[in-house]
Amino acid sequence: MGVNWTAVIAGTVVSFGLGVLWFGPIFGKIWSVGSHGITPPSRMPVMAMAFQLAGTSFMA
C-alpha cells in the first residue's frame, strides 16, 4: 500500500496553518478569555509547535 506523500504534506501544512490562524490573529483573544482567562505566552512556543507539527504529520 503506497502513501501519497503530497497529500500528507499538504494536509499537514493546511491543518497546522489553520490552527495557527485560528488560535492566533482570528480568535486568539476570544479563546483566551473563554478559557478561564488563560494568558497567551509572550513569545511563540516553538518547541510545542514543533511537536504539534510532528504529531499532525504522523496522524496524516
PDB file of N, CA and C in Angstrom:
ATOM      1  N   MET A   1       0.849  -1.153   0.000  1.00  0.00           N
ATOM      2  CA  MET A   1       0.000   0.000   0.000  1.00  0.00           C
ATOM      3  C   MET A   1       0.910   1.236   0.000  1.00  0.00           C
ATOM      4  N   GLY A   2       0.731   2.093  -0.993  1.00  0.00           N
ATOM      5  CA  GLY A   2       1.554   3.288  -1.117  1.00  0.00           C
ATOM      6  C   GLY A   2       0.988   4.459  -0.333  1.00  0.00           C
ATOM      7  N   VAL A   3       1.844   5.378  -0.040  1.00  0.00           N
ATOM      8  CA  VAL A   3       1.449   6.592   0.686  1.00  0.00           C
ATOM      9  C   VAL A   3       1.571   7.760  -0.269  1.00  0.00           C
ATOM     10  N   ASN A   4       0.541   8.556  -0.359  1.00  0.00           N
ATOM     11  CA  ASN A   4       0.570   9.759  -1.178  1.00  0.00           C
ATOM     12  C   ASN A   4       1.213  10.868  -0.348  1.00  0.00           C
ATOM     13  N   TRP A   5       2.533  11.041  -0.508  1.00  0.00           N
ATOM     14  CA  TRP A   5       3.276  11.983   0.316  1.00  0.00           C
ATOM     15  C   TRP A   5       2.874  13.428   0.047  1.00  0.00           C
ATOM     16  N   THR A   6       2.441  13.698  -1.162  1.00  0.00           N
ATOM     17  CA  THR A   6       1.967  15.054  -1.468  1.00  0.00           C
ATOM     18  C   THR A   6       0.744  15.381  -0.627  1.00  0.00           C
ATOM     19  N   ALA A   7      -0.161  14.440  -0.502  1.00  0.00           N
ATOM     20  CA  ALA A   7      -1.363  14.647   0.306  1.00  0.00           C
ATOM     21  C   ALA A   7      -1.016  14.756   1.791  1.00  0.00           C
ATOM     22  N   VAL A   8      -0.063  13.978   2.257  1.00  0.00           N
ATOM     23  CA  VAL A   8       0.346  14.037   3.663  1.00  0.00           C
ATOM     24  C   VAL A   8       0.948  15.400   3.972  1.00  0.00           C
ATOM     25  N   ILE A   9       1.837  15.870   3.124  1.00  0.00           N
ATOM     26  CA  ILE A   9       2.477  17.169   3.342  1.00  0.00           C
ATOM     27  C   ILE A   9       1.461  18.297   3.235  1.00  0.00           C
ATOM     28  N   ALA A  10       0.608  18.245   2.227  1.00  0.00           N
ATOM     29  CA  ALA A  10      -0.403  19.293   2.056  1.00  0.00           C
ATOM     30  C   ALA A  10      -1.381  19.309   3.236  1.00  0.00           C
ATOM     31  N   GLY A  11      -1.817  18.148   3.673  1.00  0.00           N
ATOM     32  CA  GLY A  11      -2.729  18.071   4.815  1.00  0.00           C
ATOM     33  C   GLY A  11      -2.099  18.584   6.099  1.00  0.00           C
ATOM     34  N   THR A  12      -0.831  18.276   6.297  1.00  0.00           N
ATOM     35  CA  THR A  12      -0.124  18.752   7.481  1.00  0.00           C
ATOM     36  C   THR A  12       0.008  20.266   7.468  1.00  0.00           C
ATOM     37  N   VAL A  13       0.417  20.815   6.335  1.00  0.00           N
ATOM     38  CA  VAL A  13       0.609  22.263   6.224  1.00  0.00           C
ATOM     39  C   VAL A  13      -0.707  23.007   6.393  1.00  0.00           C
ATOM     40  N   VAL A  14      -1.762  22.523   5.751  1.00  0.00           N
ATOM     41  CA  VAL A  14      -3.061  23.187   5.855  1.00  0.00           C
ATOM     42  C   VAL A  14      -3.601  23.107   7.279  1.00  0.00           C
ATOM     43  N   SER A  15      -3.532  21.941   7.898  1.00  0.00           N
ATOM     44  CA  SER A  15      -4.026  21.772   9.260  1.00  0.00           C
ATOM     45  C   SER A  15      -3.256  22.640  10.253  1.00  0.00           C
ATOM     46  N   PHE A  16      -1.946  22.630  10.155  1.00  0.00           N
ATOM     47  CA  PHE A  16      -1.120  23.423  11.062  1.00  0.00           C
ATOM     48  C   PHE A  16      -1.341  24.919  10.820  1.00  0.00           C
ATOM     49  N   GLY A  17      -1.424  25.303   9.563  1.00  0.00           N
ATOM     50  CA  GLY A  17      -1.653  26.707   9.232  1.00  0.00           C
ATOM     51  C   GLY A  17      -2.988  27.213   9.737  1.00  0.00           C
ATOM     52  N   LEU A  18      -4.029  26.422   9.593  1.00  0.00           N
ATOM     53  CA  LEU A  18      -5.342  26.823  10.102  1.00  0.00           C
ATOM     54  C   LEU A  18      -5.337  26.933  11.620  1.00  0.00           C
ATOM     55  N   GLY A  19      -4.630  26.036  12.281  1.00  0.00           N
ATOM     56  CA  GLY A  19      -4.531  26.106  13.741  1.00  0.00           C
ATOM     57  C   GLY A  19      -3.813  27.358  14.203  1.00  0.00           C
ATOM     58  N   VAL A  20      -2.748  27.724  13.504  1.00  0.00           N
ATOM     59  CA  VAL A  20      -2.012  28.939  13.854  1.00  0.00           C
ATOM     60  C   VAL A  20      -2.902  30.162  13.669  1.00  0.00           C
ATOM     61  N   LEU A  21      -3.634  30.206  12.564  1.00  0.00           N
ATOM     62  CA  LEU A  21      -4.533  31.337  12.333  1.00  0.00           C
ATOM     63  C   LEU A  21      -5.680  31.359  13.335  1.00  0.00           C
ATOM     64  N   TRP A  22      -6.255  30.200  13.590  1.00  0.00           N
ATOM     65  CA  TRP A  22      -7.429  30.117  14.473  1.00  0.00           C
ATOM     66  C   TRP A  22      -7.108  30.571  15.892  1.00  0.00           C
ATOM     67  N   PHE A  23      -6.019  30.049  16.448  1.00  0.00           N
ATOM     68  CA  PHE A  23      -5.663  30.387  17.823  1.00  0.00           C
ATOM     69  C   PHE A  23      -4.755  31.611  17.908  1.00  0.00           C
ATOM     70  N   GLY A  24      -4.477  32.236  16.788  1.00  0.00           N
ATOM     71  CA  GLY A  24      -3.643  33.436  16.752  1.00  0.00           C
ATOM     72  C   GLY A  24      -4.478  34.670  16.470  1.00  0.00           C
ATOM     73  N   PRO A  25      -4.350  35.221  15.280  1.00  0.00           N
ATOM     74  CA  PRO A  25      -4.998  36.501  14.995  1.00  0.00           C
ATOM     75  C   PRO A  25      -6.521  36.444  14.872  1.00  0.00           C
ATOM     76  N   ILE A  26      -7.088  35.306  14.531  1.00  0.00           N
ATOM     77  CA  ILE A  26      -8.539  35.268  14.304  1.00  0.00           C
ATOM     78  C   ILE A  26      -9.309  35.218  15.613  1.00  0.00           C
ATOM     79  N   PHE A  27      -9.095  34.188  16.414  1.00  0.00           N
ATOM     80  CA  PHE A  27      -9.853  34.014  17.649  1.00  0.00           C
ATOM     81  C   PHE A  27      -8.972  33.874  18.882  1.00  0.00           C
ATOM     82  N   GLY A  28      -7.713  34.274  18.823  1.00  0.00           N
ATOM     83  CA  GLY A  28      -6.788  34.089  19.938  1.00  0.00           C
ATOM     84  C   GLY A  28      -7.227  34.765  21.215  1.00  0.00           C
ATOM     85  N   LYS A  29      -7.635  36.023  21.126  1.00  0.00           N
ATOM     86  CA  LYS A  29      -8.041  36.758  22.331  1.00  0.00           C
ATOM     87  C   LYS A  29      -9.362  36.229  22.881  1.00  0.00           C
ATOM     88  N   ILE A  30     -10.302  35.934  22.003  1.00  0.00           N
ATOM     89  CA  ILE A  30     -11.594  35.390  22.442  1.00  0.00           C
ATOM     90  C   ILE A  30     -11.395  34.017  23.079  1.00  0.00           C
ATOM     91  N   TRP A  31     -10.521  33.208  22.503  1.00  0.00           N
ATOM     92  CA  TRP A  31     -10.244  31.881  23.038  1.00  0.00           C
ATOM     93  C   TRP A  31      -9.644  31.977  24.436  1.00  0.00           C
ATOM     94  N   SER A  32      -8.692  32.919  24.629  1.00  0.00           N
ATOM     95  CA  SER A  32      -8.062  33.013  25.943  1.00  0.00           C
ATOM     96  C   SER A  32      -9.047  33.494  27.004  1.00  0.00           C
ATOM     97  N   VAL A  33      -9.971  34.385  26.651  1.00  0.00           N
ATOM     98  CA  VAL A  33     -10.992  34.828  27.605  1.00  0.00           C
ATOM     99  C   VAL A  33     -11.947  33.681  27.927  1.00  0.00           C
ATOM    100  N   GLY A  34     -12.335  32.922  26.921  1.00  0.00           N
ATOM    101  CA  GLY A  34     -13.247  31.803  27.117  1.00  0.00           C
ATOM    102  C   GLY A  34     -12.620  30.620  27.822  1.00  0.00           C
ATOM    103  N   SER A  35     -11.297  30.602  27.920  1.00  0.00           N
ATOM    104  CA  SER A  35     -10.581  29.512  28.585  1.00  0.00           C
ATOM    105  C   SER A  35     -10.189  29.900  30.005  1.00  0.00           C
ATOM    106  N   HIS A  36     -11.104  30.556  30.694  1.00  0.00           N
ATOM    107  CA  HIS A  36     -10.917  30.949  32.084  1.00  0.00           C
ATOM    108  C   HIS A  36      -9.728  31.887  32.276  1.00  0.00           C
ATOM    109  N   GLY A  37      -9.551  32.792  31.328  1.00  0.00           N
ATOM    110  CA  GLY A  37      -8.539  33.823  31.468  1.00  0.00           C
ATOM    111  C   GLY A  37      -7.111  33.377  31.271  1.00  0.00           C
ATOM    112  N   ILE A  38      -6.890  32.329  30.496  1.00  0.00           N
ATOM    113  CA  ILE A  38      -5.524  31.903  30.214  1.00  0.00           C
ATOM    114  C   ILE A  38      -4.833  33.017  29.434  1.00  0.00           C
ATOM    115  N   THR A  39      -3.689  33.431  29.910  1.00  0.00           N
ATOM    116  CA  THR A  39      -2.971  34.481  29.201  1.00  0.00           C
ATOM    117  C   THR A  39      -2.078  33.864  28.135  1.00  0.00           C
ATOM    118  N   PRO A  40      -2.089  34.418  26.934  1.00  0.00           N
ATOM    119  CA  PRO A  40      -1.214  33.888  25.885  1.00  0.00           C
ATOM    120  C   PRO A  40       0.257  34.130  26.245  1.00  0.00           C
ATOM    121  N   PRO A  41       1.140  33.269  25.783  1.00  0.00           N
ATOM    122  CA  PRO A  41       2.554  33.448  26.102  1.00  0.00           C
ATOM    123  C   PRO A  41       3.109  34.709  25.449  1.00  0.00           C
ATOM    124  N   SER A  42       4.180  35.237  26.028  1.00  0.00           N
ATOM    125  CA  SER A  42       4.773  36.457  25.496  1.00  0.00           C
ATOM    126  C   SER A  42       5.510  36.206  24.174  1.00  0.00           C
ATOM    127  N   ARG A  43       5.975  34.989  23.966  1.00  0.00           N
ATOM    128  CA  ARG A  43       6.629  34.651  22.698  1.00  0.00           C
ATOM    129  C   ARG A  43       6.080  33.319  22.201  1.00  0.00           C
ATOM    130  N   MET A  44       6.343  33.035  20.956  1.00  0.00           N
ATOM    131  CA  MET A  44       5.822  31.816  20.341  1.00  0.00           C
ATOM    132  C   MET A  44       6.413  30.576  21.007  1.00  0.00           C
ATOM    133  N   PRO A  45       5.585  29.588  21.369  1.00  0.00           N
ATOM    134  CA  PRO A  45       6.093  28.348  21.972  1.00  0.00           C
ATOM    135  C   PRO A  45       6.635  27.414  20.886  1.00  0.00           C
ATOM    136  N   VAL A  46       7.865  27.641  20.495  1.00  0.00           N
ATOM    137  CA  VAL A  46       8.451  26.960  19.341  1.00  0.00           C
ATOM    138  C   VAL A  46       8.498  25.446  19.538  1.00  0.00           C
ATOM    139  N   MET A  47       8.901  24.982  20.713  1.00  0.00           N
ATOM    140  CA  MET A  47       9.006  23.539  20.937  1.00  0.00           C
ATOM    141  C   MET A  47       7.629  22.871  20.878  1.00  0.00           C
ATOM    142  N   ALA A  48       6.630  23.500  21.469  1.00  0.00           N
ATOM    143  CA  ALA A  48       5.274  22.947  21.418  1.00  0.00           C
ATOM    144  C   ALA A  48       4.761  22.921  19.986  1.00  0.00           C
ATOM    145  N   MET A  49       5.073  23.950  19.229  1.00  0.00           N
ATOM    146  CA  MET A  49       4.634  23.986  17.832  1.00  0.00           C
ATOM    147  C   MET A  49       5.335  22.911  17.006  1.00  0.00           C
ATOM    148  N   ALA A  50       6.614  22.645  17.301  1.00  0.00           N
ATOM    149  CA  ALA A  50       7.345  21.599  16.585  1.00  0.00           C
ATOM    150  C   ALA A  50       6.745  20.222  16.872  1.00  0.00           C
ATOM    151  N   PHE A  51       6.402  19.972  18.141  1.00  0.00           N
ATOM    152  CA  PHE A  51       5.763  18.694  18.484  1.00  0.00           C
ATOM    153  C   PHE A  51       4.383  18.572  17.840  1.00  0.00           C
ATOM    154  N   GLN A  52       3.647  19.674  17.796  1.00  0.00           N
ATOM    155  CA  GLN A  52       2.327  19.656  17.157  1.00  0.00           C
ATOM    156  C   GLN A  52       2.456  19.378  15.664  1.00  0.00           C
ATOM    157  N   LEU A  53       3.431  19.997  15.028  1.00  0.00           N
ATOM    158  CA  LEU A  53       3.656  19.762  13.599  1.00  0.00           C
ATOM    159  C   LEU A  53       4.028  18.307  13.340  1.00  0.00           C
ATOM    160  N   ALA A  54       4.890  17.747  14.183  1.00  0.00           N
ATOM    161  CA  ALA A  54       5.274  16.337  14.029  1.00  0.00           C
ATOM    162  C   ALA A  54       4.080  15.420  14.255  1.00  0.00           C
ATOM    163  N   GLY A  55       3.295  15.707  15.292  1.00  0.00           N
ATOM    164  CA  GLY A  55       2.114  14.877  15.561  1.00  0.00           C
ATOM    165  C   GLY A  55       1.083  14.952  14.462  1.00  0.00           C
ATOM    166  N   THR A  56       0.890  16.143  13.911  1.00  0.00           N
ATOM    167  CA  THR A  56      -0.055  16.297  12.809  1.00  0.00           C
ATOM    168  C   THR A  56       0.396  15.520  11.588  1.00  0.00           C
ATOM    169  N   SER A  57       1.689  15.558  11.293  1.00  0.00           N
ATOM    170  CA  SER A  57       2.176  14.823  10.130  1.00  0.00           C
ATOM    171  C   SER A  57       2.078  13.316  10.338  1.00  0.00           C
ATOM    172  N   PHE A  58       2.311  12.842  11.579  1.00  0.00           N
ATOM    173  CA  PHE A  58       2.178  11.402  11.847  1.00  0.00           C
ATOM    174  C   PHE A  58       0.722  10.955  11.751  1.00  0.00           C
ATOM    175  N   MET A  59      -0.205  11.823  12.159  1.00  0.00           N
ATOM    176  CA  MET A  59      -1.621  11.487  12.060  1.00  0.00           C
ATOM    177  C   MET A  59      -2.075  11.386  10.609  1.00  0.00           C
ATOM    178  N   ALA A  60      -1.492  12.231   9.764  1.00  0.00           N
ATOM    179  CA  ALA A  60      -1.855  12.196   8.345  1.00  0.00           C
ATOM    180  C   ALA A  60      -1.400  10.891   7.726  1.00  0.00           C
TER     181      ALA A  60
END
